Amino acid sequence: MTHLLDLPLHRLQFYATASYACSYLPQQEARSQVVTPGYLVDQVLYSHLVENGFRRSGSFTYRPHCDHCKACIPVRIDANHFHPNRSQRRAWERHRQLSTVQRPLHFDQEHFELYARYQSARHLEGETAGDSQDQYEHFLLQSSVTSYLVEFRDNGVLRMVSVIDELAQGLSSVYTFYEPHQAQSSYGTYNILWQVQRCKTLGLPWLYLGYWIAGSRKMAYKIQYQPLQGLINQQWTALPYPA
């Protein structure tokens, strides 16, 4: 794999943020390492950065840089060898009738209203709950790399939206929000399966899912998508499902 030391970094700087409250582990402090200036992070460089554990939030490219915690593990699904389990197959069958349309990053009131419903239902106490339109646009609609939206509709009704980055070696699942007021909808599961299939269609081997945190209920689900690899000590290593 390509290491950061092999990249053309002479025009980039990496700085560590001040400590802030961790969004995933209670009573923990977190820090991030941020790449600057962000406008220099083009498609080629961003692909290498993701391969080395970085991720994008709006125009910011970052990775965890905590002083006393290594719980965040970058993960990726091996798309060509992925095998859905029984519940994942059920989710695929339940939603395979959804129609999809790929669109460029842009503000859409219908998208924003769905996002607001999702945030209100899923993150009542989270830092993204109650985001304004400006916050939403900065979070999801700003990118200096190849990014796009995918709409998922059921008979014309918007059910889900994904923001996806296209990399040299795969896709990076940036964020997905969906209709929260449908019991046991399994939209999130279906969306990951759809993105795995999209990787196969494009001939890309990896779907990057951001960070897996075993001790976080919000992040622990990612281990269910096998085969899964995690970046540990700068080596991509198999993370088997716990027995």
C-alpha atoms as a PDB file:
ATOM      1  CA  MET A   1       0.000   0.000   0.000  1.00  0.00           C
ATOM      2  CA  THR A   2       1.049   3.636  -0.406  1.00  0.00           C
ATOM      3  CA  HIS A   3       2.205   5.329   2.796  1.00  0.00           C
ATOM      4  CA  LEU A   4       1.955   9.012   3.557  1.00  0.00           C
ATOM      5  CA  LEU A   5       5.725   9.363   3.364  1.00  0.00           C
ATOM      6  CA  ASP A   6       5.519   8.344  -0.300  1.00  0.00           C
ATOM      7  CA  LEU A   7       3.029  11.077  -1.219  1.00  0.00           C
ATOM      8  CA  PRO A   8       3.820  14.543  -2.623  1.00  0.00           C
ATOM      9  CA  LEU A   9       3.224  16.317   0.668  1.00  0.00           C
ATOM     10  CA  HIS A  10       5.581  19.253   0.323  1.00  0.00           C
ATOM     11  CA  ARG A  11       2.673  21.673  -0.147  1.00  0.00           C
ATOM     12  CA  LEU A  12       0.485  20.200   2.581  1.00  0.00           C
ATOM     13  CA  GLN A  13       0.497  20.637   6.334  1.00  0.00           C
ATOM     14  CA  PHE A  14      -1.013  18.425   9.020  1.00  0.00           C
ATOM     15  CA  TYR A  15      -2.181  19.915  12.279  1.00  0.00           C
ATOM     16  CA  ALA A  16      -3.816  18.462  15.379  1.00  0.00           C
ATOM     17  CA  THR A  17      -6.983  20.057  16.683  1.00  0.00           C
ATOM     18  CA  ALA A  18      -7.660  20.911  20.293  1.00  0.00           C
ATOM     19  CA  SER A  19      -9.468  18.280  22.348  1.00  0.00           C
ATOM     20  CA  TYR A  20     -13.242  18.043  22.063  1.00  0.00           C
ATOM     21  CA  ALA A  21     -15.933  15.729  23.425  1.00  0.00           C
ATOM     22  CA  CYS A  22     -15.990  12.384  21.600  1.00  0.00           C
ATOM     23  CA  SER A  23     -19.227  11.791  19.688  1.00  0.00           C
ATOM     24  CA  TYR A  24     -19.077   8.021  20.059  1.00  0.00           C
ATOM     25  CA  LEU A  25     -17.543   7.037  23.395  1.00  0.00           C
ATOM     26  CA  PRO A  26     -19.013   8.666  26.518  1.00  0.00           C
ATOM     27  CA  GLN A  27     -16.755  10.753  28.736  1.00  0.00           C
ATOM     28  CA  GLN A  28     -13.908  10.524  26.229  1.00  0.00           C
ATOM     29  CA  GLU A  29     -11.903  13.371  24.738  1.00  0.00           C
ATOM     30  CA  ALA A  30     -11.033  13.283  21.029  1.00  0.00           C
ATOM     31  CA  ARG A  31      -8.653  15.062  18.664  1.00  0.00           C
ATOM     32  CA  SER A  32      -8.261  15.039  14.892  1.00  0.00           C
ATOM     33  CA  GLN A  33      -5.388  15.457  12.476  1.00  0.00           C
ATOM     34  CA  VAL A  34      -6.474  17.779   9.667  1.00  0.00           C
ATOM     35  CA  VAL A  35      -4.943  18.278   6.211  1.00  0.00           C
ATOM     36  CA  THR A  36      -4.457  21.889   5.107  1.00  0.00           C
ATOM     37  CA  PRO A  37      -4.919  23.691   2.777  1.00  0.00           C
ATOM     38  CA  GLY A  38      -7.950  21.660   1.804  1.00  0.00           C
ATOM     39  CA  TYR A  39      -8.192  22.966  -1.759  1.00  0.00           C
ATOM     40  CA  LEU A  40      -4.920  21.175  -2.637  1.00  0.00           C
ATOM     41  CA  VAL A  41      -6.432  17.773  -1.837  1.00  0.00           C
ATOM     42  CA  ASP A  42      -7.312  16.614  -5.341  1.00  0.00           C
ATOM     43  CA  GLN A  43      -8.699  13.272  -6.482  1.00  0.00           C
ATOM     44  CA  VAL A  44      -5.375  11.422  -6.638  1.00  0.00           C
ATOM     45  CA  LEU A  45      -4.093  12.691  -3.302  1.00  0.00           C
ATOM     46  CA  TYR A  46      -7.424  12.132  -1.560  1.00  0.00           C
ATOM     47  CA  SER A  47      -7.483   8.513  -2.755  1.00  0.00           C
ATOM     48  CA  HIS A  48      -4.103   7.967  -1.112  1.00  0.00           C
ATOM     49  CA  LEU A  49      -5.165   9.763   2.055  1.00  0.00           C
ATOM     50  CA  VAL A  50      -8.263   7.576   2.421  1.00  0.00           C
ATOM     51  CA  GLU A  51      -6.083   4.519   1.940  1.00  0.00           C
ATOM     52  CA  ASN A  52      -4.026   5.801   4.888  1.00  0.00           C
ATOM     53  CA  GLY A  53      -6.982   6.280   7.216  1.00  0.00           C
ATOM     54  CA  PHE A  54      -8.208   9.783   6.409  1.00  0.00           C
ATOM     55  CA  ARG A  55     -11.792  10.785   5.700  1.00  0.00           C
ATOM     56  CA  ARG A  56     -13.661  13.836   4.477  1.00  0.00           C
ATOM     57  CA  SER A  57     -16.234  16.017   6.230  1.00  0.00           C
ATOM     58  CA  GLY A  58     -17.198  18.813   3.874  1.00  0.00           C
ATOM     59  CA  SER A  59     -13.993  20.466   2.721  1.00  0.00           C
ATOM     60  CA  PHE A  60     -12.007  19.085   5.688  1.00  0.00           C
ATOM     61  CA  THR A  61      -9.870  15.956   5.333  1.00  0.00           C
ATOM     62  CA  TYR A  62      -9.022  14.428   8.704  1.00  0.00           C
ATOM     63  CA  ARG A  63      -8.298  11.304  10.718  1.00  0.00           C
ATOM     64  CA  PRO A  64      -8.542  10.546  14.463  1.00  0.00           C
ATOM     65  CA  HIS A  65      -5.509  11.703  16.413  1.00  0.00           C
ATOM     66  CA  CYS A  66      -6.466  11.062  20.042  1.00  0.00           C
ATOM     67  CA  ASP A  67      -3.853  11.170  22.779  1.00  0.00           C
ATOM     68  CA  HIS A  68      -4.796   8.017  24.685  1.00  0.00           C
ATOM     69  CA  CYS A  69      -7.279   6.151  22.505  1.00  0.00           C
ATOM     70  CA  LYS A  70      -7.000   4.052  19.334  1.00  0.00           C
ATOM     71  CA  ALA A  71     -10.629   2.890  19.211  1.00  0.00           C
ATOM     72  CA  CYS A  72     -11.353   4.364  15.755  1.00  0.00           C
ATOM     73  CA  ILE A  73     -10.294   1.877  13.083  1.00  0.00           C
ATOM     74  CA  PRO A  74     -10.676   2.786   9.379  1.00  0.00           C
ATOM     75  CA  VAL A  75     -12.566  -0.023   7.642  1.00  0.00           C
ATOM     76  CA  ARG A  76     -13.359  -1.133   4.114  1.00  0.00           C
ATOM     77  CA  ILE A  77     -15.456  -3.915   2.592  1.00  0.00           C
ATOM     78  CA  ASP A  78     -13.898  -6.255   0.048  1.00  0.00           C
ATOM     79  CA  ALA A  79     -16.610  -5.737  -2.577  1.00  0.00           C
ATOM     80  CA  ASN A  80     -15.624  -8.606  -4.862  1.00  0.00           C
ATOM     81  CA  HIS A  81     -15.746 -11.178  -2.059  1.00  0.00           C
ATOM     82  CA  PHE A  82     -18.606  -9.754  -0.006  1.00  0.00           C
ATOM     83  CA  HIS A  83     -21.196 -12.295   1.164  1.00  0.00           C
ATOM     84  CA  PRO A  84     -24.433 -10.885   2.668  1.00  0.00           C
ATOM     85  CA  ASN A  85     -25.786 -12.626   5.714  1.00  0.00           C
ATOM     86  CA  ARG A  86     -29.416 -13.646   6.069  1.00  0.00           C
ATOM     87  CA  SER A  87     -30.721 -10.346   7.466  1.00  0.00           C
ATOM     88  CA  GLN A  88     -28.807  -8.407   4.822  1.00  0.00           C
ATOM     89  CA  ARG A  89     -30.358 -10.530   2.076  1.00  0.00           C
ATOM     90  CA  ARG A  90     -33.800  -9.784   3.519  1.00  0.00           C
ATOM     91  CA  ALA A  91     -33.059  -6.051   3.466  1.00  0.00           C
ATOM     92  CA  TRP A  92     -31.981  -6.312  -0.166  1.00  0.00           C
ATOM     93  CA  GLU A  93     -35.185  -8.065  -1.171  1.00  0.00           C
ATOM     94  CA  ARG A  94     -37.319  -5.613   0.815  1.00  0.00           C
ATOM     95  CA  HIS A  95     -35.972  -2.532  -0.959  1.00  0.00           C
ATOM     96  CA  ARG A  96     -34.670  -3.669  -4.321  1.00  0.00           C
ATOM     97  CA  GLN A  97     -37.630  -1.931  -6.000  1.00  0.00           C
ATOM     98  CA  LEU A  98     -36.232   1.481  -5.028  1.00  0.00           C
ATOM     99  CA  SER A  99     -35.244   3.573  -8.034  1.00  0.00           C
ATOM    100  CA  THR A 100     -31.937   5.455  -7.952  1.00  0.00           C
ATOM    101  CA  VAL A 101     -30.741   8.658  -9.598  1.00  0.00           C
ATOM    102  CA  GLN A 102     -27.200  10.034  -9.353  1.00  0.00           C
ATOM    103  CA  ARG A 103     -26.951  13.823  -9.096  1.00  0.00           C
ATOM    104  CA  PRO A 104     -24.140  16.347  -8.569  1.00  0.00           C
ATOM    105  CA  LEU A 105     -23.737  17.884  -5.128  1.00  0.00           C
ATOM    106  CA  HIS A 106     -26.347  20.640  -4.854  1.00  0.00           C
ATOM    107  CA  PHE A 107     -28.861  21.971  -2.364  1.00  0.00           C
ATOM    108  CA  ASP A 108     -32.354  20.538  -2.680  1.00  0.00           C
ATOM    109  CA  GLN A 109     -35.118  21.469  -0.245  1.00  0.00           C
ATOM    110  CA  GLU A 110     -36.601  17.977  -0.383  1.00  0.00           C
ATOM    111  CA  HIS A 111     -33.238  16.470   0.560  1.00  0.00           C
ATOM    112  CA  PHE A 112     -32.782  18.932   3.399  1.00  0.00           C
ATOM    113  CA  GLU A 113     -36.209  18.221   4.868  1.00  0.00           C
ATOM    114  CA  LEU A 114     -35.480  14.488   4.840  1.00  0.00           C
ATOM    115  CA  TYR A 115     -32.096  15.162   6.464  1.00  0.00           C
ATOM    116  CA  ALA A 116     -33.754  17.262   9.176  1.00  0.00           C
ATOM    117  CA  ARG A 117     -36.268  14.482   9.944  1.00  0.00           C
ATOM    118  CA  TYR A 118     -33.477  11.934  10.084  1.00  0.00           C
ATOM    119  CA  GLN A 119     -31.378  14.055  12.439  1.00  0.00           C
ATOM    120  CA  SER A 120     -34.304  14.782  14.738  1.00  0.00           C
ATOM    121  CA  ALA A 121     -35.215  11.106  15.038  1.00  0.00           C
ATOM    122  CA  ARG A 122     -31.736   9.540  15.164  1.00  0.00           C
ATOM    123  CA  HIS A 123     -29.519  12.099  16.882  1.00  0.00           C
ATOM    124  CA  LEU A 124     -31.666  13.861  19.432  1.00  0.00           C
ATOM    125  CA  GLU A 125     -28.644  14.698  21.568  1.00  0.00           C
ATOM    126  CA  GLY A 126     -25.975  14.594  18.885  1.00  0.00           C
ATOM    127  CA  GLU A 127     -23.979  17.552  17.656  1.00  0.00           C
ATOM    128  CA  THR A 128     -25.574  17.369  14.209  1.00  0.00           C
ATOM    129  CA  ALA A 129     -29.143  17.504  15.535  1.00  0.00           C
ATOM    130  CA  GLY A 130     -30.987  20.612  14.373  1.00  0.00           C
ATOM    131  CA  ASP A 131     -28.457  21.602  11.713  1.00  0.00           C
ATOM    132  CA  SER A 132     -29.253  24.758   9.793  1.00  0.00           C
ATOM    133  CA  GLN A 133     -29.242  24.824   5.997  1.00  0.00           C
ATOM    134  CA  ASP A 134     -25.799  26.445   6.087  1.00  0.00           C
ATOM    135  CA  GLN A 135     -24.426  23.694   8.358  1.00  0.00           C
ATOM    136  CA  TYR A 136     -25.967  21.043   6.131  1.00  0.00           C
ATOM    137  CA  GLU A 137     -24.382  22.522   3.021  1.00  0.00           C
ATOM    138  CA  HIS A 138     -20.952  22.788   4.661  1.00  0.00           C
ATOM    139  CA  PHE A 139     -21.181  19.227   5.977  1.00  0.00           C
ATOM    140  CA  LEU A 140     -22.403  17.398   2.866  1.00  0.00           C
ATOM    141  CA  LEU A 141     -22.324  19.631  -0.208  1.00  0.00           C
ATOM    142  CA  GLN A 142     -18.753  20.935  -0.209  1.00  0.00           C
ATOM    143  CA  SER A 143     -16.060  18.762  -1.801  1.00  0.00           C
ATOM    144  CA  SER A 144     -12.877  19.219  -3.798  1.00  0.00           C
ATOM    145  CA  VAL A 145     -12.946  15.623  -5.087  1.00  0.00           C
ATOM    146  CA  THR A 146     -15.313  13.569  -7.261  1.00  0.00           C
ATOM    147  CA  SER A 147     -18.454  13.389  -5.135  1.00  0.00           C
ATOM    148  CA  TYR A 148     -22.138  12.984  -5.898  1.00  0.00           C
ATOM    149  CA  LEU A 149     -25.567  12.408  -4.418  1.00  0.00           C
ATOM    150  CA  VAL A 150     -27.673   9.316  -4.999  1.00  0.00           C
ATOM    151  CA  GLU A 151     -31.439   9.581  -4.506  1.00  0.00           C
ATOM    152  CA  PHE A 152     -33.461   6.503  -3.607  1.00  0.00           C
ATOM    153  CA  ARG A 153     -37.187   6.738  -4.335  1.00  0.00           C
ATOM    154  CA  ASP A 154     -40.192   4.481  -3.869  1.00  0.00           C
ATOM    155  CA  ASN A 155     -42.822   5.235  -6.521  1.00  0.00           C
ATOM    156  CA  GLY A 156     -41.472   8.762  -6.756  1.00  0.00           C
ATOM    157  CA  VAL A 157     -41.340   9.364  -2.986  1.00  0.00           C
ATOM    158  CA  LEU A 158     -37.874  10.240  -1.676  1.00  0.00           C
ATOM    159  CA  ARG A 159     -36.793   7.671   0.924  1.00  0.00           C
ATOM    160  CA  MET A 160     -33.023   8.009   1.160  1.00  0.00           C
ATOM    161  CA  VAL A 161     -30.037  10.078   0.004  1.00  0.00           C
ATOM    162  CA  SER A 162     -26.364   9.082  -0.019  1.00  0.00           C
ATOM    163  CA  VAL A 163     -23.269  11.222  -0.467  1.00  0.00           C
ATOM    164  CA  ILE A 164     -20.478   9.194  -2.070  1.00  0.00           C
ATOM    165  CA  ASP A 165     -16.855   9.970  -2.971  1.00  0.00           C
ATOM    166  CA  GLU A 166     -15.327   8.140  -5.927  1.00  0.00           C
ATOM    167  CA  LEU A 167     -11.697   7.129  -5.386  1.00  0.00           C
ATOM    168  CA  ALA A 168      -9.059   5.524  -7.567  1.00  0.00           C
ATOM    169  CA  GLN A 169      -9.430   2.254  -5.663  1.00  0.00           C
ATOM    170  CA  GLY A 170     -13.044   2.306  -4.499  1.00  0.00           C
ATOM    171  CA  LEU A 171     -15.946   4.305  -3.179  1.00  0.00           C
ATOM    172  CA  SER A 172     -16.064   6.136   0.135  1.00  0.00           C
ATOM    173  CA  SER A 173     -19.454   6.215   1.826  1.00  0.00           C
ATOM    174  CA  VAL A 174     -19.526   9.768   3.187  1.00  0.00           C
ATOM    175  CA  TYR A 175     -23.015   9.954   4.694  1.00  0.00           C
ATOM    176  CA  THR A 176     -26.486   8.519   4.232  1.00  0.00           C
ATOM    177  CA  PHE A 177     -29.792   9.772   5.604  1.00  0.00           C
ATOM    178  CA  TYR A 178     -33.203   8.217   5.155  1.00  0.00           C
ATOM    179  CA  GLU A 179     -36.844   8.327   6.185  1.00  0.00           C
ATOM    180  CA  PRO A 180     -36.755   7.520   9.923  1.00  0.00           C
ATOM    181  CA  HIS A 181     -40.458   7.108  10.600  1.00  0.00           C
ATOM    182  CA  GLN A 182     -40.825   3.623   9.168  1.00  0.00           C
ATOM    183  CA  ALA A 183     -40.390   0.861  11.722  1.00  0.00           C
ATOM    184  CA  GLN A 184     -37.616  -1.626  10.914  1.00  0.00           C
ATOM    185  CA  SER A 185     -37.080  -0.143   7.483  1.00  0.00           C
ATOM    186  CA  SER A 186     -33.489  -1.487   7.119  1.00  0.00           C
ATOM    187  CA  TYR A 187     -32.744   1.370   4.698  1.00  0.00           C
ATOM    188  CA  GLY A 188     -29.225   1.724   6.093  1.00  0.00           C
ATOM    189  CA  THR A 189     -28.440  -1.946   5.493  1.00  0.00           C
ATOM    190  CA  TYR A 190     -29.826  -1.810   1.968  1.00  0.00           C
ATOM    191  CA  ASN A 191     -27.772   1.289   1.232  1.00  0.00           C
ATOM    192  CA  ILE A 192     -24.468  -0.379   2.109  1.00  0.00           C
ATOM    193  CA  LEU A 193     -25.400  -3.383  -0.035  1.00  0.00           C
ATOM    194  CA  TRP A 194     -26.256  -1.024  -2.893  1.00  0.00           C
ATOM    195  CA  GLN A 195     -22.894   0.708  -2.599  1.00  0.00           C
ATOM    196  CA  VAL A 196     -21.089  -2.655  -2.584  1.00  0.00           C
ATOM    197  CA  GLN A 197     -22.922  -3.537  -5.779  1.00  0.00           C
ATOM    198  CA  ARG A 198     -22.028  -0.138  -7.206  1.00  0.00           C
ATOM    199  CA  CYS A 199     -18.338  -0.880  -6.542  1.00  0.00           C
ATOM    200  CA  LYS A 200     -18.666  -4.135  -8.462  1.00  0.00           C
ATOM    201  CA  THR A 201     -20.391  -2.402 -11.370  1.00  0.00           C
ATOM    202  CA  LEU A 202     -17.607   0.190 -11.571  1.00  0.00           C
ATOM    203  CA  GLY A 203     -14.862  -2.419 -11.217  1.00  0.00           C
ATOM    204  CA  LEU A 204     -13.677  -0.927  -7.910  1.00  0.00           C
ATOM    205  CA  PRO A 205     -12.492  -3.344  -5.205  1.00  0.00           C
ATOM    206  CA  TRP A 206     -13.208  -1.446  -1.973  1.00  0.00           C
ATOM    207  CA  LEU A 207     -16.074   0.284  -0.208  1.00  0.00           C
ATOM    208  CA  TYR A 208     -14.705   2.518   2.566  1.00  0.00           C
ATOM    209  CA  LEU A 209     -17.076   2.909   5.517  1.00  0.00           C
ATOM    210  CA  GLY A 210     -15.184   5.389   7.646  1.00  0.00           C
ATOM    211  CA  TYR A 211     -14.369   4.264  11.181  1.00  0.00           C
ATOM    212  CA  TRP A 212     -15.386   1.188  13.130  1.00  0.00           C
ATOM    213  CA  ILE A 213     -15.532   1.545  16.913  1.00  0.00           C
ATOM    214  CA  ALA A 214     -16.224  -1.751  18.659  1.00  0.00           C
ATOM    215  CA  GLY A 215     -17.457  -0.035  21.832  1.00  0.00           C
ATOM    216  CA  SER A 216     -19.880   2.324  20.061  1.00  0.00           C
ATOM    217  CA  ARG A 217     -23.413   1.200  19.268  1.00  0.00           C
ATOM    218  CA  LYS A 218     -23.511   3.685  16.365  1.00  0.00           C
ATOM    219  CA  MET A 219     -20.407   2.192  14.742  1.00  0.00           C
ATOM    220  CA  ALA A 220     -20.262  -1.452  15.887  1.00  0.00           C
ATOM    221  CA  TYR A 221     -22.678  -2.611  13.160  1.00  0.00           C
ATOM    222  CA  LYS A 222     -19.992  -2.286  10.477  1.00  0.00           C
ATOM    223  CA  ILE A 223     -18.312  -5.532  11.564  1.00  0.00           C
ATOM    224  CA  GLN A 224     -21.321  -7.391  10.149  1.00  0.00           C
ATOM    225  CA  TYR A 225     -20.255  -6.661   6.543  1.00  0.00           C
ATOM    226  CA  GLN A 226     -17.794  -9.382   5.669  1.00  0.00           C
ATOM    227  CA  PRO A 227     -15.100  -9.661   4.537  1.00  0.00           C
ATOM    228  CA  LEU A 228     -14.079  -6.442   6.281  1.00  0.00           C
ATOM    229  CA  GLN A 229     -10.585  -5.005   6.603  1.00  0.00           C
ATOM    230  CA  GLY A 230      -9.302  -2.540   9.196  1.00  0.00           C
ATOM    231  CA  LEU A 231      -6.251  -0.280   9.022  1.00  0.00           C
ATOM    232  CA  ILE A 232      -4.182  -1.323  12.046  1.00  0.00           C
ATOM    233  CA  ASN A 233      -0.587  -0.137  12.456  1.00  0.00           C
ATOM    234  CA  GLN A 234      -0.764   1.167   8.870  1.00  0.00           C
ATOM    235  CA  GLN A 235      -1.594  -2.274   7.476  1.00  0.00           C
ATOM    236  CA  TRP A 236      -4.990  -3.346   6.133  1.00  0.00           C
ATOM    237  CA  THR A 237      -5.897  -6.431   8.163  1.00  0.00           C
ATOM    238  CA  ALA A 238      -8.895  -8.774   8.105  1.00  0.00           C
ATOM    239  CA  LEU A 239     -11.456  -8.078  10.831  1.00  0.00           C
ATOM    240  CA  PRO A 240     -13.521 -11.258  11.155  1.00  0.00           C
ATOM    241  CA  TYR A 241     -16.980 -11.214  12.690  1.00  0.00           C
ATOM    242  CA  PRO A 242     -16.674 -12.017  16.443  1.00  0.00           C
ATOM    243  CA  ALA A 243     -17.555 -15.625  17.259  1.00  0.00           C
END
